[in-house]
Amino acid sequence: MTILLLDAIKERRSIYSFKKEEVDIELLKEIFTFGTYAPTHYMKEPWQIKLYQKSGKNHFIEEVIKSYQRIGMIKTSKDEKTLKMIDSMREFLNAIPHHALIYYEKENDPIRNDEEYAAVCAFIQNVQLAAWQYGVGVLWTITPYMYDQEFHESVGLDSDVVKIAAVLQMGFPKKVPPMRERTPIEGKLEIIT
């Protein structure tokens, strides 16, 4: 079992293109369940998930596009180039079988808030590793719309109360990128004796 875990840690890749086939919801639930074994201060388990799939993706994708227009990443004009870009973005996002919006309730105390965010990040990493073991690819994304108050409202969240930590794009990999070499730990490790 230890070897399998260590292999998953080394072999897992961020996936950028997915097959059309959806992952069975029961398998996704199992993957998310493994995520819940992440360390969490005071057993608060702060992670929450909104999973967009099938026709449920349409509203999510339209709100992403509107957010990008609000924040100036996409023009609001109706010229042909802009409309093509929007159609291309819509097509790209629709080709991803599942979008998992991961969020948590913010804490007023900055230390407690950092603890909650760290727990959510550990949850996400567990999800990625469990998914990899089942042949499911994940891309952990941090995108500008996550900081747009109107986007929060459009997906039923209150930005004063919750923080979107990430959006996981999930599905069966169409292509697995090659491994990138990591910096030897000696370049990151300072030993103080």
C-alpha atoms as a PDB file:
ATOM      1  CA  MET A   1       0.000   0.000   0.000  1.00  0.00           C
ATOM      2  CA  THR A   2       2.827   2.421   0.857  1.00  0.00           C
ATOM      3  CA  ILE A   3       4.430   1.892  -2.538  1.00  0.00           C
ATOM      4  CA  LEU A   4       1.108   2.654  -4.266  1.00  0.00           C
ATOM      5  CA  LEU A   5       0.788   5.926  -2.365  1.00  0.00           C
ATOM      6  CA  LEU A   6       4.364   6.958  -3.106  1.00  0.00           C
ATOM      7  CA  ASP A   7       3.873   6.041  -6.769  1.00  0.00           C
ATOM      8  CA  ALA A   8       0.677   8.110  -6.930  1.00  0.00           C
ATOM      9  CA  ILE A   9       2.474  11.099  -5.402  1.00  0.00           C
ATOM     10  CA  LYS A  10       5.237  10.909  -8.033  1.00  0.00           C
ATOM     11  CA  GLU A  11       3.158   9.886 -11.033  1.00  0.00           C
ATOM     12  CA  ARG A  12       0.120  12.163 -10.633  1.00  0.00           C
ATOM     13  CA  ARG A  13      -0.138  14.835 -13.313  1.00  0.00           C
ATOM     14  CA  SER A  14      -2.268  17.897 -13.855  1.00  0.00           C
ATOM     15  CA  ILE A  15      -4.580  17.070 -16.755  1.00  0.00           C
ATOM     16  CA  TYR A  16      -5.406  19.690 -19.381  1.00  0.00           C
ATOM     17  CA  SER A  17      -7.526  17.679 -21.822  1.00  0.00           C
ATOM     18  CA  PHE A  18     -10.264  15.212 -21.011  1.00  0.00           C
ATOM     19  CA  LYS A  19     -12.198  12.487 -22.773  1.00  0.00           C
ATOM     20  CA  LYS A  20     -15.918  13.212 -23.282  1.00  0.00           C
ATOM     21  CA  GLU A  21     -16.907  10.282 -21.068  1.00  0.00           C
ATOM     22  CA  GLU A  22     -18.195  11.355 -17.665  1.00  0.00           C
ATOM     23  CA  VAL A  23     -16.978   9.846 -14.426  1.00  0.00           C
ATOM     24  CA  ASP A  24     -19.713   7.900 -12.633  1.00  0.00           C
ATOM     25  CA  ILE A  25     -21.126   9.940  -9.738  1.00  0.00           C
ATOM     26  CA  GLU A  26     -20.547   7.088  -7.283  1.00  0.00           C
ATOM     27  CA  LEU A  27     -16.862   7.038  -8.200  1.00  0.00           C
ATOM     28  CA  LEU A  28     -16.668  10.819  -7.797  1.00  0.00           C
ATOM     29  CA  LYS A  29     -18.272  10.487  -4.357  1.00  0.00           C
ATOM     30  CA  GLU A  30     -15.682   7.875  -3.430  1.00  0.00           C
ATOM     31  CA  ILE A  31     -12.856  10.127  -4.628  1.00  0.00           C
ATOM     32  CA  PHE A  32     -14.231  13.069  -2.622  1.00  0.00           C
ATOM     33  CA  THR A  33     -14.639  10.770   0.386  1.00  0.00           C
ATOM     34  CA  PHE A  34     -10.913   9.980   0.282  1.00  0.00           C
ATOM     35  CA  GLY A  35     -10.349  13.722   0.226  1.00  0.00           C
ATOM     36  CA  THR A  36     -12.081  14.020   3.598  1.00  0.00           C
ATOM     37  CA  TYR A  37      -9.229  12.184   5.316  1.00  0.00           C
ATOM     38  CA  ALA A  38      -7.158  15.352   5.050  1.00  0.00           C
ATOM     39  CA  PRO A  39      -5.846  16.843   8.281  1.00  0.00           C
ATOM     40  CA  THR A  40      -8.327  19.360   9.652  1.00  0.00           C
ATOM     41  CA  HIS A  41      -7.986  21.486  12.774  1.00  0.00           C
ATOM     42  CA  TYR A  42     -10.602  20.661  15.412  1.00  0.00           C
ATOM     43  CA  MET A  43     -12.181  18.203  12.923  1.00  0.00           C
ATOM     44  CA  LYS A  44     -14.045  21.099  11.301  1.00  0.00           C
ATOM     45  CA  GLU A  45     -13.860  19.555   7.803  1.00  0.00           C
ATOM     46  CA  PRO A  46     -14.383  22.996   6.241  1.00  0.00           C
ATOM     47  CA  TRP A  47     -14.516  21.904   2.571  1.00  0.00           C
ATOM     48  CA  GLN A  48     -17.733  22.221   0.600  1.00  0.00           C
ATOM     49  CA  ILE A  49     -18.240  21.187  -3.026  1.00  0.00           C
ATOM     50  CA  LYS A  50     -20.533  22.389  -5.801  1.00  0.00           C
ATOM     51  CA  LEU A  51     -20.205  19.849  -8.625  1.00  0.00           C
ATOM     52  CA  TYR A  52     -21.219  21.047 -12.087  1.00  0.00           C
ATOM     53  CA  GLN A  53     -21.787  18.397 -14.734  1.00  0.00           C
ATOM     54  CA  LYS A  54     -24.138  17.514 -17.588  1.00  0.00           C
ATOM     55  CA  SER A  55     -26.524  20.428 -18.276  1.00  0.00           C
ATOM     56  CA  GLY A  56     -25.640  21.897 -14.855  1.00  0.00           C
ATOM     57  CA  LYS A  57     -22.383  23.090 -16.444  1.00  0.00           C
ATOM     58  CA  ASN A  58     -24.238  25.558 -18.688  1.00  0.00           C
ATOM     59  CA  HIS A  59     -25.116  28.055 -15.950  1.00  0.00           C
ATOM     60  CA  PHE A  60     -21.623  27.776 -14.427  1.00  0.00           C
ATOM     61  CA  ILE A  61     -19.920  28.380 -17.794  1.00  0.00           C
ATOM     62  CA  GLU A  62     -22.133  31.373 -18.651  1.00  0.00           C
ATOM     63  CA  GLU A  63     -21.349  32.921 -15.263  1.00  0.00           C
ATOM     64  CA  VAL A  64     -17.610  32.366 -15.793  1.00  0.00           C
ATOM     65  CA  ILE A  65     -17.841  34.180 -19.134  1.00  0.00           C
ATOM     66  CA  LYS A  66     -19.847  37.056 -17.620  1.00  0.00           C
ATOM     67  CA  SER A  67     -17.274  37.359 -14.838  1.00  0.00           C
ATOM     68  CA  TYR A  68     -14.399  37.505 -17.321  1.00  0.00           C
ATOM     69  CA  GLN A  69     -16.275  40.284 -19.119  1.00  0.00           C
ATOM     70  CA  ARG A  70     -16.851  42.203 -15.869  1.00  0.00           C
ATOM     71  CA  ILE A  71     -13.199  42.037 -14.882  1.00  0.00           C
ATOM     72  CA  GLY A  72     -12.001  42.952 -18.386  1.00  0.00           C
ATOM     73  CA  MET A  73     -10.466  39.650 -19.502  1.00  0.00           C
ATOM     74  CA  ILE A  74     -13.013  39.399 -22.322  1.00  0.00           C
ATOM     75  CA  LYS A  75     -14.471  42.361 -24.178  1.00  0.00           C
ATOM     76  CA  THR A  76     -18.170  43.038 -23.853  1.00  0.00           C
ATOM     77  CA  SER A  77     -18.433  44.102 -27.506  1.00  0.00           C
ATOM     78  CA  LYS A  78     -20.274  41.977 -30.033  1.00  0.00           C
ATOM     79  CA  ASP A  79     -17.559  42.049 -32.701  1.00  0.00           C
ATOM     80  CA  GLU A  80     -16.846  38.806 -34.552  1.00  0.00           C
ATOM     81  CA  LYS A  81     -13.455  38.200 -32.908  1.00  0.00           C
ATOM     82  CA  THR A  82     -14.895  38.542 -29.388  1.00  0.00           C
ATOM     83  CA  LEU A  83     -17.875  36.319 -30.163  1.00  0.00           C
ATOM     84  CA  LYS A  84     -15.549  33.645 -31.574  1.00  0.00           C
ATOM     85  CA  MET A  85     -13.394  33.832 -28.460  1.00  0.00           C
ATOM     86  CA  ILE A  86     -16.466  33.444 -26.223  1.00  0.00           C
ATOM     87  CA  ASP A  87     -17.692  30.480 -28.275  1.00  0.00           C
ATOM     88  CA  SER A  88     -14.237  28.918 -28.072  1.00  0.00           C
ATOM     89  CA  MET A  89     -14.137  29.380 -24.281  1.00  0.00           C
ATOM     90  CA  ARG A  90     -17.651  27.981 -23.940  1.00  0.00           C
ATOM     91  CA  GLU A  91     -16.693  24.944 -26.039  1.00  0.00           C
ATOM     92  CA  PHE A  92     -13.466  24.402 -24.073  1.00  0.00           C
ATOM     93  CA  LEU A  93     -15.211  24.544 -20.674  1.00  0.00           C
ATOM     94  CA  ASN A  94     -18.087  22.367 -21.890  1.00  0.00           C
ATOM     95  CA  ALA A  95     -15.614  19.673 -22.996  1.00  0.00           C
ATOM     96  CA  ILE A  96     -14.531  19.235 -19.362  1.00  0.00           C
ATOM     97  CA  PRO A  97     -16.857  16.589 -17.881  1.00  0.00           C
ATOM     98  CA  HIS A  98     -16.930  17.918 -14.297  1.00  0.00           C
ATOM     99  CA  HIS A  99     -16.198  21.247 -12.609  1.00  0.00           C
ATOM    100  CA  ALA A 100     -15.920  20.961  -8.808  1.00  0.00           C
ATOM    101  CA  LEU A 101     -16.071  24.342  -7.113  1.00  0.00           C
ATOM    102  CA  ILE A 102     -14.404  23.952  -3.693  1.00  0.00           C
ATOM    103  CA  TYR A 103     -15.201  26.540  -1.041  1.00  0.00           C
ATOM    104  CA  TYR A 104     -15.223  27.017   2.711  1.00  0.00           C
ATOM    105  CA  GLU A 105     -16.689  29.335   5.310  1.00  0.00           C
ATOM    106  CA  LYS A 106     -14.233  32.095   6.183  1.00  0.00           C
ATOM    107  CA  GLU A 107     -13.085  32.646   9.758  1.00  0.00           C
ATOM    108  CA  ASN A 108     -12.739  36.133  11.242  1.00  0.00           C
ATOM    109  CA  ASP A 109      -9.529  35.161  13.010  1.00  0.00           C
ATOM    110  CA  PRO A 110      -6.759  35.158  10.340  1.00  0.00           C
ATOM    111  CA  ILE A 111      -4.940  32.251  12.019  1.00  0.00           C
ATOM    112  CA  ARG A 112      -8.083  30.115  12.065  1.00  0.00           C
ATOM    113  CA  ASN A 113      -8.817  31.151   8.486  1.00  0.00           C
ATOM    114  CA  ASP A 114      -5.350  29.992   7.389  1.00  0.00           C
ATOM    115  CA  GLU A 115      -5.970  26.689   9.200  1.00  0.00           C
ATOM    116  CA  GLU A 116      -9.240  26.221   7.309  1.00  0.00           C
ATOM    117  CA  TYR A 117      -7.647  27.092   3.964  1.00  0.00           C
ATOM    118  CA  ALA A 118      -4.748  24.706   4.635  1.00  0.00           C
ATOM    119  CA  ALA A 119      -7.216  21.912   5.437  1.00  0.00           C
ATOM    120  CA  VAL A 120      -9.103  22.580   2.201  1.00  0.00           C
ATOM    121  CA  CYS A 121      -5.838  22.455   0.227  1.00  0.00           C
ATOM    122  CA  ALA A 122      -4.970  19.125   1.889  1.00  0.00           C
ATOM    123  CA  PHE A 123      -8.461  17.891   0.941  1.00  0.00           C
ATOM    124  CA  ILE A 124      -7.831  18.914  -2.677  1.00  0.00           C
ATOM    125  CA  GLN A 125      -4.481  17.130  -2.793  1.00  0.00           C
ATOM    126  CA  ASN A 126      -6.075  13.960  -1.382  1.00  0.00           C
ATOM    127  CA  VAL A 127      -8.789  14.228  -4.054  1.00  0.00           C
ATOM    128  CA  GLN A 128      -6.130  14.514  -6.765  1.00  0.00           C
ATOM    129  CA  LEU A 129      -4.229  11.474  -5.480  1.00  0.00           C
ATOM    130  CA  ALA A 130      -7.360   9.345  -5.044  1.00  0.00           C
ATOM    131  CA  ALA A 131      -8.611  10.360  -8.496  1.00  0.00           C
ATOM    132  CA  TRP A 132      -5.275   9.385 -10.028  1.00  0.00           C
ATOM    133  CA  GLN A 133      -5.506   5.921  -8.471  1.00  0.00           C
ATOM    134  CA  TYR A 134      -8.868   5.487 -10.253  1.00  0.00           C
ATOM    135  CA  GLY A 135      -7.586   6.787 -13.592  1.00  0.00           C
ATOM    136  CA  VAL A 136      -9.374  10.135 -13.211  1.00  0.00           C
ATOM    137  CA  GLY A 137      -7.481  13.302 -14.035  1.00  0.00           C
ATOM    138  CA  VAL A 138      -7.755  16.592 -12.175  1.00  0.00           C
ATOM    139  CA  LEU A 139      -6.606  20.125 -12.858  1.00  0.00           C
ATOM    140  CA  TRP A 140      -6.521  22.304  -9.739  1.00  0.00           C
ATOM    141  CA  THR A 141      -7.304  25.834 -10.932  1.00  0.00           C
ATOM    142  CA  ILE A 142      -7.191  29.227  -9.266  1.00  0.00           C
ATOM    143  CA  THR A 143      -8.911  31.662 -11.607  1.00  0.00           C
ATOM    144  CA  PRO A 144      -9.859  35.367 -11.476  1.00  0.00           C
ATOM    145  CA  TYR A 145     -13.626  34.724 -11.380  1.00  0.00           C
ATOM    146  CA  MET A 146     -13.138  33.137  -7.948  1.00  0.00           C
ATOM    147  CA  TYR A 147     -12.539  36.664  -6.616  1.00  0.00           C
ATOM    148  CA  ASP A 148     -15.551  38.248  -8.320  1.00  0.00           C
ATOM    149  CA  GLN A 149     -18.353  38.996  -5.842  1.00  0.00           C
ATOM    150  CA  GLU A 150     -21.017  38.852  -8.546  1.00  0.00           C
ATOM    151  CA  PHE A 151     -19.788  35.429  -9.658  1.00  0.00           C
ATOM    152  CA  HIS A 152     -20.194  34.201  -6.065  1.00  0.00           C
ATOM    153  CA  GLU A 153     -23.767  35.465  -5.991  1.00  0.00           C
ATOM    154  CA  SER A 154     -24.554  33.923  -9.376  1.00  0.00           C
ATOM    155  CA  VAL A 155     -23.629  30.457  -8.061  1.00  0.00           C
ATOM    156  CA  GLY A 156     -25.475  30.935  -4.774  1.00  0.00           C
ATOM    157  CA  LEU A 157     -22.556  31.881  -2.522  1.00  0.00           C
ATOM    158  CA  ASP A 158     -22.054  34.918  -0.291  1.00  0.00           C
ATOM    159  CA  SER A 159     -18.501  36.257  -0.744  1.00  0.00           C
ATOM    160  CA  ASP A 160     -18.705  37.896   2.691  1.00  0.00           C
ATOM    161  CA  VAL A 161     -19.185  34.457   4.252  1.00  0.00           C
ATOM    162  CA  VAL A 162     -17.297  31.993   2.034  1.00  0.00           C
ATOM    163  CA  LYS A 163     -14.104  31.841   0.021  1.00  0.00           C
ATOM    164  CA  ILE A 164     -13.776  29.814  -3.151  1.00  0.00           C
ATOM    165  CA  ALA A 165     -10.509  27.940  -2.712  1.00  0.00           C
ATOM    166  CA  ALA A 166     -10.288  26.304  -6.145  1.00  0.00           C
ATOM    167  CA  VAL A 167     -12.159  24.868  -9.074  1.00  0.00           C
ATOM    168  CA  LEU A 168     -11.154  21.322  -9.962  1.00  0.00           C
ATOM    169  CA  GLN A 169     -11.591  20.295 -13.570  1.00  0.00           C
ATOM    170  CA  MET A 170     -12.136  16.532 -13.584  1.00  0.00           C
ATOM    171  CA  GLY A 171     -12.516  13.690 -16.050  1.00  0.00           C
ATOM    172  CA  PHE A 172     -10.737  10.807 -17.711  1.00  0.00           C
ATOM    173  CA  PRO A 173      -7.458  12.053 -19.232  1.00  0.00           C
ATOM    174  CA  LYS A 174      -7.276  12.342 -22.990  1.00  0.00           C
ATOM    175  CA  LYS A 175      -3.531  12.960 -22.738  1.00  0.00           C
ATOM    176  CA  VAL A 176      -1.157  12.641 -19.770  1.00  0.00           C
ATOM    177  CA  PRO A 177       1.704  15.137 -19.849  1.00  0.00           C
ATOM    178  CA  PRO A 178       5.233  13.889 -19.187  1.00  0.00           C
ATOM    179  CA  MET A 179       6.737  14.248 -15.735  1.00  0.00           C
ATOM    180  CA  ARG A 180       8.609  17.472 -15.086  1.00  0.00           C
ATOM    181  CA  GLU A 181      11.738  17.159 -13.028  1.00  0.00           C
ATOM    182  CA  ARG A 182      11.541  18.663  -9.576  1.00  0.00           C
ATOM    183  CA  THR A 183      14.182  20.806  -7.909  1.00  0.00           C
ATOM    184  CA  PRO A 184      16.332  18.597  -5.667  1.00  0.00           C
ATOM    185  CA  ILE A 185      15.175  19.103  -2.093  1.00  0.00           C
ATOM    186  CA  GLU A 186      18.662  20.269  -1.108  1.00  0.00           C
ATOM    187  CA  GLY A 187      17.880  23.440  -3.059  1.00  0.00           C
ATOM    188  CA  LYS A 188      14.838  24.092  -0.843  1.00  0.00           C
ATOM    189  CA  LEU A 189      15.999  22.726   2.502  1.00  0.00           C
ATOM    190  CA  GLU A 190      17.884  24.728   5.078  1.00  0.00           C
ATOM    191  CA  ILE A 191      19.151  22.596   7.934  1.00  0.00           C
ATOM    192  CA  ILE A 192      19.802  24.490  11.124  1.00  0.00           C
ATOM    193  CA  THR A 193      21.735  22.697  13.852  1.00  0.00           C
END
